[in-house]
Amino acid sequence: MKILAAALTFFLTISLAHADPKEEARQLSRQAFKMDREMHQRIPNIDDRDPALKALHEESTKALMTSEAALKTHPALADARAQRTAAFDKMAAMISQGDAAARDEAKAAYAESERHIHLQARQVPELSALLVAADQAGTAYSQKRESVYASQPETADLAKKAAELRAKAAELRRAAR
């Protein structure tokens, strides 16, 4: 398995040598995600190996659920939610009609309506605070999970390679701005 991961990384690096930075960052992130999935297959219940990780997972889940519930009910977002519902209904109709171009356009409009809700929520202080808390809790959990995987003998090599790929992807994204 180590040979496979090394070969994939090597070929990915060669094939992306001439790609644009944003696409290369996406490819590196996908490769890191594949390694994350493999680590999860090797240790499916990583939260059970570290009580602090388990607590961070619960905290992250609670913060996310709280922020999502607020986004669903806050009156300042009522118009944006109505637009999202309309975009979703249109997307569903286009999917059932089978028109690929119209479906893709409707999916893009729906994604934009979701993005608009989050952008609007960032302008409302109480919603912004909830979103920031959820982001911070999620980041803390992700970082701790990475360190726990890195500390386990069966996943240490994969965790190191995945972290390197994510760091390279982040560097490319910063350079592409």
N, C-alpha and C. Protein backbone atom coordinates (compact mmCIF):
# COMPACT_ATOMS: atom_id res chain seq x y z
N MET A 1 0.83 -1.19 0.00
CA MET A 1 0.00 0.00 0.00
C MET A 1 0.87 1.25 0.00
N LYS A 2 2.04 1.18 0.67
CA LYS A 2 2.93 2.33 0.68
C LYS A 2 3.43 2.63 -0.73
N ILE A 3 3.68 1.58 -1.48
CA ILE A 3 4.16 1.76 -2.85
C ILE A 3 3.08 2.43 -3.69
N LEU A 4 1.83 1.99 -3.52
CA LEU A 4 0.72 2.57 -4.26
C LEU A 4 0.59 4.06 -3.96
N ALA A 5 0.64 4.42 -2.69
CA ALA A 5 0.51 5.84 -2.31
C ALA A 5 1.68 6.65 -2.88
N ALA A 6 2.88 6.11 -2.82
CA ALA A 6 4.04 6.81 -3.36
C ALA A 6 3.93 6.97 -4.87
N ALA A 7 3.49 5.91 -5.55
CA ALA A 7 3.34 5.98 -7.00
C ALA A 7 2.27 6.98 -7.40
N LEU A 8 1.16 6.97 -6.68
CA LEU A 8 0.09 7.93 -6.97
C LEU A 8 0.57 9.36 -6.79
N THR A 9 1.30 9.60 -5.72
CA THR A 9 1.82 10.93 -5.46
C THR A 9 2.80 11.34 -6.56
N PHE A 10 3.67 10.42 -6.96
CA PHE A 10 4.65 10.71 -8.01
C PHE A 10 3.97 11.05 -9.33
N PHE A 11 3.04 10.20 -9.75
CA PHE A 11 2.36 10.44 -11.02
C PHE A 11 1.48 11.68 -10.98
N LEU A 12 0.89 11.94 -9.83
CA LEU A 12 0.08 13.14 -9.69
C LEU A 12 0.97 14.38 -9.83
N THR A 13 2.14 14.34 -9.22
CA THR A 13 3.06 15.47 -9.29
C THR A 13 3.52 15.69 -10.73
N ILE A 14 3.83 14.62 -11.44
CA ILE A 14 4.27 14.74 -12.83
C ILE A 14 3.14 15.27 -13.70
N SER A 15 1.95 14.71 -13.58
CA SER A 15 0.84 15.11 -14.44
C SER A 15 0.39 16.53 -14.18
N LEU A 16 0.63 17.05 -12.98
CA LEU A 16 0.17 18.39 -12.66
C LEU A 16 1.25 19.46 -12.86
N ALA A 17 2.39 19.05 -13.36
CA ALA A 17 3.50 19.98 -13.50
C ALA A 17 3.13 21.17 -14.38
N HIS A 18 2.28 20.94 -15.35
CA HIS A 18 1.92 22.01 -16.28
C HIS A 18 0.48 22.50 -16.11
N ALA A 19 -0.19 22.07 -15.08
CA ALA A 19 -1.59 22.47 -14.85
C ALA A 19 -1.63 23.85 -14.21
N ASP A 20 -2.80 24.48 -14.27
CA ASP A 20 -2.91 25.78 -13.62
C ASP A 20 -2.96 25.56 -12.11
N PRO A 21 -2.53 26.55 -11.33
CA PRO A 21 -2.40 26.36 -9.88
C PRO A 21 -3.70 25.95 -9.17
N LYS A 22 -4.82 26.54 -9.58
CA LYS A 22 -6.09 26.20 -8.92
C LYS A 22 -6.45 24.74 -9.18
N GLU A 23 -6.27 24.29 -10.41
CA GLU A 23 -6.58 22.89 -10.73
C GLU A 23 -5.61 21.95 -10.02
N GLU A 24 -4.36 22.34 -9.98
CA GLU A 24 -3.38 21.52 -9.27
C GLU A 24 -3.73 21.42 -7.79
N ALA A 25 -4.17 22.52 -7.20
CA ALA A 25 -4.58 22.51 -5.78
C ALA A 25 -5.77 21.58 -5.59
N ARG A 26 -6.74 21.62 -6.52
CA ARG A 26 -7.90 20.72 -6.42
C ARG A 26 -7.46 19.26 -6.49
N GLN A 27 -6.55 18.97 -7.41
CA GLN A 27 -6.07 17.59 -7.55
C GLN A 27 -5.33 17.12 -6.30
N LEU A 28 -4.51 17.98 -5.75
CA LEU A 28 -3.79 17.63 -4.52
C LEU A 28 -4.76 17.41 -3.37
N SER A 29 -5.77 18.24 -3.27
CA SER A 29 -6.78 18.08 -2.22
C SER A 29 -7.54 16.77 -2.39
N ARG A 30 -7.86 16.41 -3.62
CA ARG A 30 -8.54 15.13 -3.87
C ARG A 30 -7.66 13.96 -3.45
N GLN A 31 -6.38 14.05 -3.77
CA GLN A 31 -5.46 12.98 -3.39
C GLN A 31 -5.38 12.88 -1.86
N ALA A 32 -5.31 14.01 -1.17
CA ALA A 32 -5.27 14.00 0.30
C ALA A 32 -6.57 13.40 0.84
N PHE A 33 -7.70 13.72 0.22
CA PHE A 33 -8.98 13.17 0.65
C PHE A 33 -8.99 11.65 0.49
N LYS A 34 -8.42 11.14 -0.59
CA LYS A 34 -8.35 9.69 -0.78
C LYS A 34 -7.52 9.05 0.33
N MET A 35 -6.46 9.71 0.72
CA MET A 35 -5.63 9.19 1.81
C MET A 35 -6.40 9.25 3.13
N ASP A 36 -7.19 10.32 3.32
CA ASP A 36 -8.03 10.41 4.52
C ASP A 36 -9.01 9.24 4.58
N ARG A 37 -9.61 8.92 3.44
CA ARG A 37 -10.55 7.79 3.40
C ARG A 37 -9.84 6.48 3.73
N GLU A 38 -8.62 6.32 3.21
CA GLU A 38 -7.87 5.09 3.50
C GLU A 38 -7.53 5.01 4.99
N MET A 39 -7.17 6.14 5.59
CA MET A 39 -6.90 6.14 7.03
C MET A 39 -8.16 5.76 7.80
N HIS A 40 -9.30 6.29 7.36
CA HIS A 40 -10.56 5.96 8.02
C HIS A 40 -10.89 4.47 7.87
N GLN A 41 -10.54 3.89 6.73
CA GLN A 41 -10.77 2.45 6.55
C GLN A 41 -9.88 1.64 7.48
N ARG A 42 -8.67 2.11 7.69
CA ARG A 42 -7.75 1.39 8.58
C ARG A 42 -8.16 1.53 10.05
N ILE A 43 -8.62 2.73 10.42
CA ILE A 43 -9.06 2.98 11.80
C ILE A 43 -10.42 3.70 11.71
N PRO A 44 -11.50 2.93 11.62
CA PRO A 44 -12.82 3.56 11.42
C PRO A 44 -13.31 4.39 12.60
N ASN A 45 -12.92 4.06 13.80
CA ASN A 45 -13.41 4.76 14.99
C ASN A 45 -12.27 5.50 15.67
N ILE A 46 -11.64 6.41 14.94
CA ILE A 46 -10.48 7.12 15.47
C ILE A 46 -10.84 7.93 16.71
N ASP A 47 -12.08 8.41 16.80
CA ASP A 47 -12.50 9.19 17.97
C ASP A 47 -12.37 8.40 19.26
N ASP A 48 -12.49 7.07 19.17
CA ASP A 48 -12.40 6.23 20.36
C ASP A 48 -10.97 6.10 20.89
N ARG A 49 -10.00 6.48 20.08
CA ARG A 49 -8.60 6.34 20.50
C ARG A 49 -8.10 7.52 21.32
N ASP A 50 -8.87 8.61 21.34
CA ASP A 50 -8.43 9.79 22.08
C ASP A 50 -9.66 10.51 22.64
N PRO A 51 -9.80 10.56 23.95
CA PRO A 51 -10.99 11.19 24.54
C PRO A 51 -11.12 12.67 24.17
N ALA A 52 -10.00 13.37 24.03
CA ALA A 52 -10.06 14.78 23.65
C ALA A 52 -10.61 14.94 22.23
N LEU A 53 -10.25 14.02 21.35
CA LEU A 53 -10.76 14.06 19.98
C LEU A 53 -12.27 13.84 19.98
N LYS A 54 -12.70 12.89 20.77
CA LYS A 54 -14.14 12.61 20.86
C LYS A 54 -14.90 13.83 21.37
N ALA A 55 -14.36 14.51 22.35
CA ALA A 55 -15.00 15.71 22.89
C ALA A 55 -15.04 16.83 21.84
N LEU A 56 -13.95 16.99 21.08
CA LEU A 56 -13.92 18.00 20.03
C LEU A 56 -14.93 17.68 18.93
N HIS A 57 -15.10 16.39 18.63
CA HIS A 57 -16.08 15.99 17.62
C HIS A 57 -17.49 16.37 18.08
N GLU A 58 -17.79 16.07 19.31
CA GLU A 58 -19.12 16.41 19.85
C GLU A 58 -19.33 17.92 19.87
N GLU A 59 -18.31 18.66 20.26
CA GLU A 59 -18.39 20.12 20.30
C GLU A 59 -18.59 20.69 18.89
N SER A 60 -17.86 20.15 17.93
CA SER A 60 -17.97 20.59 16.54
C SER A 60 -19.35 20.30 15.97
N THR A 61 -19.86 19.12 16.24
CA THR A 61 -21.18 18.74 15.75
C THR A 61 -22.25 19.64 16.36
N LYS A 62 -22.14 19.90 17.65
CA LYS A 62 -23.12 20.76 18.33
C LYS A 62 -23.07 22.18 17.76
N ALA A 63 -21.88 22.72 17.55
CA ALA A 63 -21.75 24.08 17.00
C ALA A 63 -22.32 24.16 15.59
N LEU A 64 -22.06 23.14 14.79
CA LEU A 64 -22.59 23.11 13.43
C LEU A 64 -24.11 23.04 13.43
N MET A 65 -24.66 22.16 14.25
CA MET A 65 -26.12 22.02 14.31
C MET A 65 -26.78 23.31 14.80
N THR A 66 -26.16 23.98 15.76
CA THR A 66 -26.69 25.23 16.27
C THR A 66 -26.69 26.31 15.18
N SER A 67 -25.58 26.41 14.45
CA SER A 67 -25.51 27.43 13.40
C SER A 67 -26.48 27.11 12.26
N GLU A 68 -26.60 25.85 11.88
CA GLU A 68 -27.53 25.47 10.80
C GLU A 68 -28.98 25.73 11.21
N ALA A 69 -29.32 25.45 12.46
CA ALA A 69 -30.68 25.72 12.94
C ALA A 69 -30.97 27.21 12.89
N ALA A 70 -30.00 28.02 13.26
CA ALA A 70 -30.20 29.47 13.23
C ALA A 70 -30.37 29.97 11.80
N LEU A 71 -29.61 29.40 10.87
CA LEU A 71 -29.74 29.80 9.46
C LEU A 71 -31.12 29.45 8.91
N LYS A 72 -31.69 28.37 9.41
CA LYS A 72 -33.01 27.93 8.93
C LYS A 72 -34.15 28.77 9.48
N THR A 73 -33.92 29.47 10.58
CA THR A 73 -35.04 30.16 11.24
C THR A 73 -34.89 31.66 11.39
N HIS A 74 -33.70 32.20 11.21
CA HIS A 74 -33.51 33.63 11.47
C HIS A 74 -34.29 34.46 10.47
N PRO A 75 -35.06 35.43 10.96
CA PRO A 75 -35.90 36.24 10.06
C PRO A 75 -35.12 37.06 9.04
N ALA A 76 -33.88 37.43 9.34
CA ALA A 76 -33.09 38.23 8.40
C ALA A 76 -32.76 37.47 7.12
N LEU A 77 -32.89 36.15 7.16
CA LEU A 77 -32.55 35.32 6.00
C LEU A 77 -33.78 34.78 5.28
N ALA A 78 -34.95 35.26 5.64
CA ALA A 78 -36.19 34.72 5.06
C ALA A 78 -36.22 34.85 3.54
N ASP A 79 -35.86 36.02 3.01
CA ASP A 79 -35.87 36.20 1.55
C ASP A 79 -34.84 35.30 0.87
N ALA A 80 -33.67 35.20 1.45
CA ALA A 80 -32.62 34.36 0.87
C ALA A 80 -33.04 32.89 0.89
N ARG A 81 -33.71 32.46 1.97
CA ARG A 81 -34.19 31.08 2.02
C ARG A 81 -35.26 30.84 0.96
N ALA A 82 -36.12 31.82 0.74
CA ALA A 82 -37.16 31.69 -0.29
C ALA A 82 -36.52 31.57 -1.68
N GLN A 83 -35.48 32.34 -1.92
CA GLN A 83 -34.76 32.25 -3.20
C GLN A 83 -34.10 30.88 -3.35
N ARG A 84 -33.56 30.37 -2.25
CA ARG A 84 -32.94 29.05 -2.30
C ARG A 84 -33.99 27.98 -2.60
N THR A 85 -35.14 28.08 -1.98
CA THR A 85 -36.21 27.12 -2.22
C THR A 85 -36.63 27.15 -3.69
N ALA A 86 -36.76 28.36 -4.24
CA ALA A 86 -37.13 28.49 -5.65
C ALA A 86 -36.05 27.89 -6.55
N ALA A 87 -34.79 28.12 -6.20
CA ALA A 87 -33.68 27.56 -6.98
C ALA A 87 -33.66 26.04 -6.88
N PHE A 88 -33.97 25.52 -5.70
CA PHE A 88 -34.02 24.07 -5.52
C PHE A 88 -35.15 23.46 -6.35
N ASP A 89 -36.32 24.09 -6.30
CA ASP A 89 -37.46 23.58 -7.08
C ASP A 89 -37.14 23.58 -8.57
N LYS A 90 -36.49 24.63 -9.04
CA LYS A 90 -36.12 24.71 -10.45
C LYS A 90 -35.10 23.62 -10.79
N MET A 91 -34.14 23.42 -9.89
CA MET A 91 -33.13 22.39 -10.11
C MET A 91 -33.78 21.01 -10.18
N ALA A 92 -34.71 20.73 -9.28
CA ALA A 92 -35.40 19.44 -9.28
C ALA A 92 -36.18 19.25 -10.58
N ALA A 93 -36.82 20.30 -11.05
CA ALA A 93 -37.57 20.22 -12.31
C ALA A 93 -36.63 19.95 -13.49
N MET A 94 -35.49 20.60 -13.50
CA MET A 94 -34.54 20.42 -14.61
C MET A 94 -33.93 19.02 -14.59
N ILE A 95 -33.72 18.48 -13.42
CA ILE A 95 -33.19 17.12 -13.31
C ILE A 95 -34.19 16.13 -13.88
N SER A 96 -35.45 16.31 -13.54
CA SER A 96 -36.48 15.38 -14.03
C SER A 96 -36.71 15.52 -15.53
N GLN A 97 -36.45 16.70 -16.09
CA GLN A 97 -36.62 16.90 -17.53
C GLN A 97 -35.49 16.30 -18.35
N GLY A 98 -34.34 16.14 -17.75
CA GLY A 98 -33.23 15.51 -18.44
C GLY A 98 -32.39 16.43 -19.30
N ASP A 99 -32.65 17.72 -19.28
CA ASP A 99 -31.87 18.69 -20.06
C ASP A 99 -30.58 18.98 -19.29
N ALA A 100 -29.46 18.45 -19.76
CA ALA A 100 -28.19 18.55 -19.03
C ALA A 100 -27.74 20.00 -18.85
N ALA A 101 -27.83 20.80 -19.88
CA ALA A 101 -27.38 22.19 -19.79
C ALA A 101 -28.24 22.97 -18.80
N ALA A 102 -29.55 22.81 -18.90
CA ALA A 102 -30.46 23.51 -17.98
C ALA A 102 -30.26 23.01 -16.55
N ARG A 103 -30.02 21.71 -16.41
CA ARG A 103 -29.77 21.13 -15.08
C ARG A 103 -28.52 21.74 -14.46
N ASP A 104 -27.45 21.82 -15.24
CA ASP A 104 -26.20 22.38 -14.73
C ASP A 104 -26.37 23.85 -14.35
N GLU A 105 -27.12 24.59 -15.15
CA GLU A 105 -27.38 25.99 -14.85
C GLU A 105 -28.20 26.12 -13.57
N ALA A 106 -29.18 25.25 -13.41
CA ALA A 106 -30.02 25.27 -12.21
C ALA A 106 -29.20 24.87 -10.97
N LYS A 107 -28.31 23.91 -11.12
CA LYS A 107 -27.44 23.52 -9.99
C LYS A 107 -26.55 24.67 -9.58
N ALA A 108 -26.02 25.39 -10.57
CA ALA A 108 -25.16 26.54 -10.27
C ALA A 108 -25.96 27.63 -9.55
N ALA A 109 -27.19 27.85 -9.99
CA ALA A 109 -28.04 28.86 -9.34
C ALA A 109 -28.36 28.44 -7.90
N TYR A 110 -28.59 27.15 -7.68
CA TYR A 110 -28.87 26.68 -6.33
C TYR A 110 -27.63 26.86 -5.44
N ALA A 111 -26.47 26.50 -5.96
CA ALA A 111 -25.22 26.66 -5.19
C ALA A 111 -25.00 28.14 -4.85
N GLU A 112 -25.29 29.01 -5.80
CA GLU A 112 -25.15 30.44 -5.56
C GLU A 112 -26.13 30.91 -4.48
N SER A 113 -27.34 30.36 -4.48
CA SER A 113 -28.32 30.75 -3.45
C SER A 113 -27.86 30.30 -2.06
N GLU A 114 -27.23 29.13 -1.98
CA GLU A 114 -26.67 28.67 -0.70
C GLU A 114 -25.54 29.60 -0.24
N ARG A 115 -24.68 29.96 -1.18
CA ARG A 115 -23.57 30.85 -0.87
C ARG A 115 -24.10 32.21 -0.40
N HIS A 116 -25.16 32.68 -1.04
CA HIS A 116 -25.76 33.97 -0.68
C HIS A 116 -26.29 33.94 0.76
N ILE A 117 -26.90 32.84 1.15
CA ILE A 117 -27.40 32.71 2.53
C ILE A 117 -26.24 32.86 3.52
N HIS A 118 -25.15 32.18 3.24
CA HIS A 118 -24.01 32.25 4.16
C HIS A 118 -23.38 33.64 4.17
N LEU A 119 -23.30 34.27 3.01
CA LEU A 119 -22.76 35.63 2.96
C LEU A 119 -23.65 36.60 3.74
N GLN A 120 -24.95 36.46 3.55
CA GLN A 120 -25.88 37.33 4.29
C GLN A 120 -25.80 37.05 5.79
N ALA A 121 -25.68 35.79 6.16
CA ALA A 121 -25.59 35.44 7.58
C ALA A 121 -24.35 36.04 8.22
N ARG A 122 -23.28 36.16 7.46
CA ARG A 122 -22.06 36.76 8.00
C ARG A 122 -22.24 38.24 8.32
N GLN A 123 -23.29 38.86 7.76
CA GLN A 123 -23.56 40.27 8.01
C GLN A 123 -24.43 40.48 9.25
N VAL A 124 -25.02 39.40 9.76
CA VAL A 124 -25.87 39.49 10.96
C VAL A 124 -25.01 39.06 12.15
N PRO A 125 -24.75 39.96 13.09
CA PRO A 125 -23.79 39.66 14.16
C PRO A 125 -24.01 38.33 14.89
N GLU A 126 -25.24 38.05 15.30
CA GLU A 126 -25.45 36.80 16.07
C GLU A 126 -25.25 35.56 15.20
N LEU A 127 -25.62 35.65 13.92
CA LEU A 127 -25.39 34.52 13.02
C LEU A 127 -23.91 34.38 12.69
N SER A 128 -23.27 35.49 12.49
CA SER A 128 -21.84 35.48 12.20
C SER A 128 -21.06 34.82 13.35
N ALA A 129 -21.44 35.16 14.58
CA ALA A 129 -20.77 34.58 15.74
C ALA A 129 -20.96 33.05 15.77
N LEU A 130 -22.16 32.60 15.45
CA LEU A 130 -22.42 31.15 15.42
C LEU A 130 -21.62 30.47 14.31
N LEU A 131 -21.53 31.10 13.14
CA LEU A 131 -20.77 30.52 12.03
C LEU A 131 -19.27 30.47 12.35
N VAL A 132 -18.77 31.53 12.96
CA VAL A 132 -17.36 31.56 13.36
C VAL A 132 -17.09 30.47 14.39
N ALA A 133 -17.98 30.31 15.35
CA ALA A 133 -17.80 29.27 16.38
C ALA A 133 -17.81 27.88 15.75
N ALA A 134 -18.71 27.66 14.79
CA ALA A 134 -18.77 26.37 14.11
C ALA A 134 -17.50 26.13 13.29
N ASP A 135 -17.01 27.17 12.61
CA ASP A 135 -15.77 27.05 11.84
C ASP A 135 -14.59 26.71 12.75
N GLN A 136 -14.50 27.41 13.86
CA GLN A 136 -13.39 27.19 14.78
C GLN A 136 -13.45 25.79 15.41
N ALA A 137 -14.64 25.37 15.77
CA ALA A 137 -14.79 24.03 16.36
C ALA A 137 -14.45 22.95 15.33
N GLY A 138 -14.89 23.14 14.10
CA GLY A 138 -14.57 22.18 13.04
C GLY A 138 -13.08 22.13 12.75
N THR A 139 -12.44 23.28 12.73
CA THR A 139 -11.00 23.33 12.50
C THR A 139 -10.24 22.65 13.63
N ALA A 140 -10.64 22.91 14.86
CA ALA A 140 -9.98 22.28 16.01
C ALA A 140 -10.12 20.77 15.94
N TYR A 141 -11.31 20.29 15.59
CA TYR A 141 -11.51 18.85 15.48
C TYR A 141 -10.66 18.26 14.35
N SER A 142 -10.65 18.90 13.21
CA SER A 142 -9.88 18.40 12.06
C SER A 142 -8.39 18.33 12.37
N GLN A 143 -7.88 19.38 13.00
CA GLN A 143 -6.46 19.39 13.34
C GLN A 143 -6.11 18.30 14.34
N LYS A 144 -6.96 18.13 15.33
CA LYS A 144 -6.71 17.09 16.34
C LYS A 144 -6.81 15.70 15.71
N ARG A 145 -7.80 15.50 14.82
CA ARG A 145 -7.96 14.21 14.15
C ARG A 145 -6.71 13.90 13.32
N GLU A 146 -6.19 14.90 12.61
CA GLU A 146 -4.97 14.70 11.84
C GLU A 146 -3.82 14.28 12.74
N SER A 147 -3.70 14.92 13.91
CA SER A 147 -2.60 14.59 14.81
C SER A 147 -2.77 13.19 15.40
N VAL A 148 -4.01 12.79 15.67
CA VAL A 148 -4.24 11.45 16.21
C VAL A 148 -3.93 10.39 15.15
N TYR A 149 -4.38 10.62 13.92
CA TYR A 149 -4.02 9.68 12.85
C TYR A 149 -2.50 9.61 12.68
N ALA A 150 -1.84 10.74 12.77
CA ALA A 150 -0.38 10.77 12.61
C ALA A 150 0.33 10.04 13.74
N SER A 151 -0.32 9.93 14.90
CA SER A 151 0.31 9.27 16.04
C SER A 151 0.07 7.75 16.06
N GLN A 152 -0.76 7.26 15.16
CA GLN A 152 -1.07 5.83 15.13
C GLN A 152 -0.13 5.13 14.15
N PRO A 153 0.47 4.03 14.55
CA PRO A 153 1.43 3.35 13.66
C PRO A 153 0.84 2.94 12.31
N GLU A 154 -0.42 2.52 12.29
CA GLU A 154 -1.02 2.02 11.05
C GLU A 154 -1.40 3.12 10.07
N THR A 155 -1.37 4.39 10.51
CA THR A 155 -1.75 5.48 9.61
C THR A 155 -0.75 6.63 9.58
N ALA A 156 0.34 6.52 10.30
CA ALA A 156 1.29 7.63 10.41
C ALA A 156 1.83 8.08 9.06
N ASP A 157 2.24 7.13 8.21
CA ASP A 157 2.80 7.50 6.91
C ASP A 157 1.77 8.19 6.02
N LEU A 158 0.57 7.65 5.99
CA LEU A 158 -0.49 8.27 5.19
C LEU A 158 -0.83 9.66 5.71
N ALA A 159 -0.90 9.81 7.01
CA ALA A 159 -1.24 11.11 7.60
C ALA A 159 -0.19 12.15 7.24
N LYS A 160 1.05 11.75 7.25
CA LYS A 160 2.14 12.68 6.90
C LYS A 160 2.02 13.10 5.44
N LYS A 161 1.78 12.15 4.55
CA LYS A 161 1.67 12.47 3.12
C LYS A 161 0.43 13.32 2.84
N ALA A 162 -0.67 13.00 3.50
CA ALA A 162 -1.90 13.79 3.31
C ALA A 162 -1.69 15.23 3.79
N ALA A 163 -1.01 15.40 4.91
CA ALA A 163 -0.74 16.74 5.42
C ALA A 163 0.15 17.52 4.46
N GLU A 164 1.13 16.85 3.89
CA GLU A 164 2.01 17.50 2.90
C GLU A 164 1.21 17.94 1.67
N LEU A 165 0.32 17.07 1.21
CA LEU A 165 -0.50 17.42 0.04
C LEU A 165 -1.42 18.60 0.34
N ARG A 166 -2.04 18.60 1.53
CA ARG A 166 -2.91 19.71 1.90
C ARG A 166 -2.13 21.01 2.02
N ALA A 167 -0.93 20.95 2.57
CA ALA A 167 -0.10 22.15 2.69
C ALA A 167 0.29 22.69 1.32
N LYS A 168 0.65 21.79 0.41
CA LYS A 168 1.00 22.20 -0.95
C LYS A 168 -0.22 22.81 -1.66
N ALA A 169 -1.39 22.21 -1.47
CA ALA A 169 -2.62 22.73 -2.08
C ALA A 169 -2.92 24.14 -1.53
N ALA A 170 -2.78 24.32 -0.23
CA ALA A 170 -3.03 25.63 0.37
C ALA A 170 -2.05 26.66 -0.16
N GLU A 171 -0.80 26.27 -0.31
CA GLU A 171 0.22 27.17 -0.86
C GLU A 171 -0.14 27.58 -2.29
N LEU A 172 -0.57 26.64 -3.09
CA LEU A 172 -0.97 26.94 -4.47
C LEU A 172 -2.17 27.87 -4.51
N ARG A 173 -3.13 27.64 -3.62
CA ARG A 173 -4.33 28.51 -3.59
C ARG A 173 -3.94 29.95 -3.20
N ARG A 174 -3.04 30.08 -2.22
CA ARG A 174 -2.59 31.42 -1.83
C ARG A 174 -1.85 32.10 -2.98
N ALA A 175 -1.03 31.36 -3.68
CA ALA A 175 -0.27 31.92 -4.80
C ALA A 175 -1.17 32.31 -5.97
N ALA A 176 -2.29 31.61 -6.12
CA ALA A 176 -3.19 31.87 -7.25
C ALA A 176 -4.09 33.08 -7.02
N ARG A 177 -4.12 33.60 -5.82
CA ARG A 177 -5.00 34.75 -5.51
C ARG A 177 -4.50 36.01 -6.12
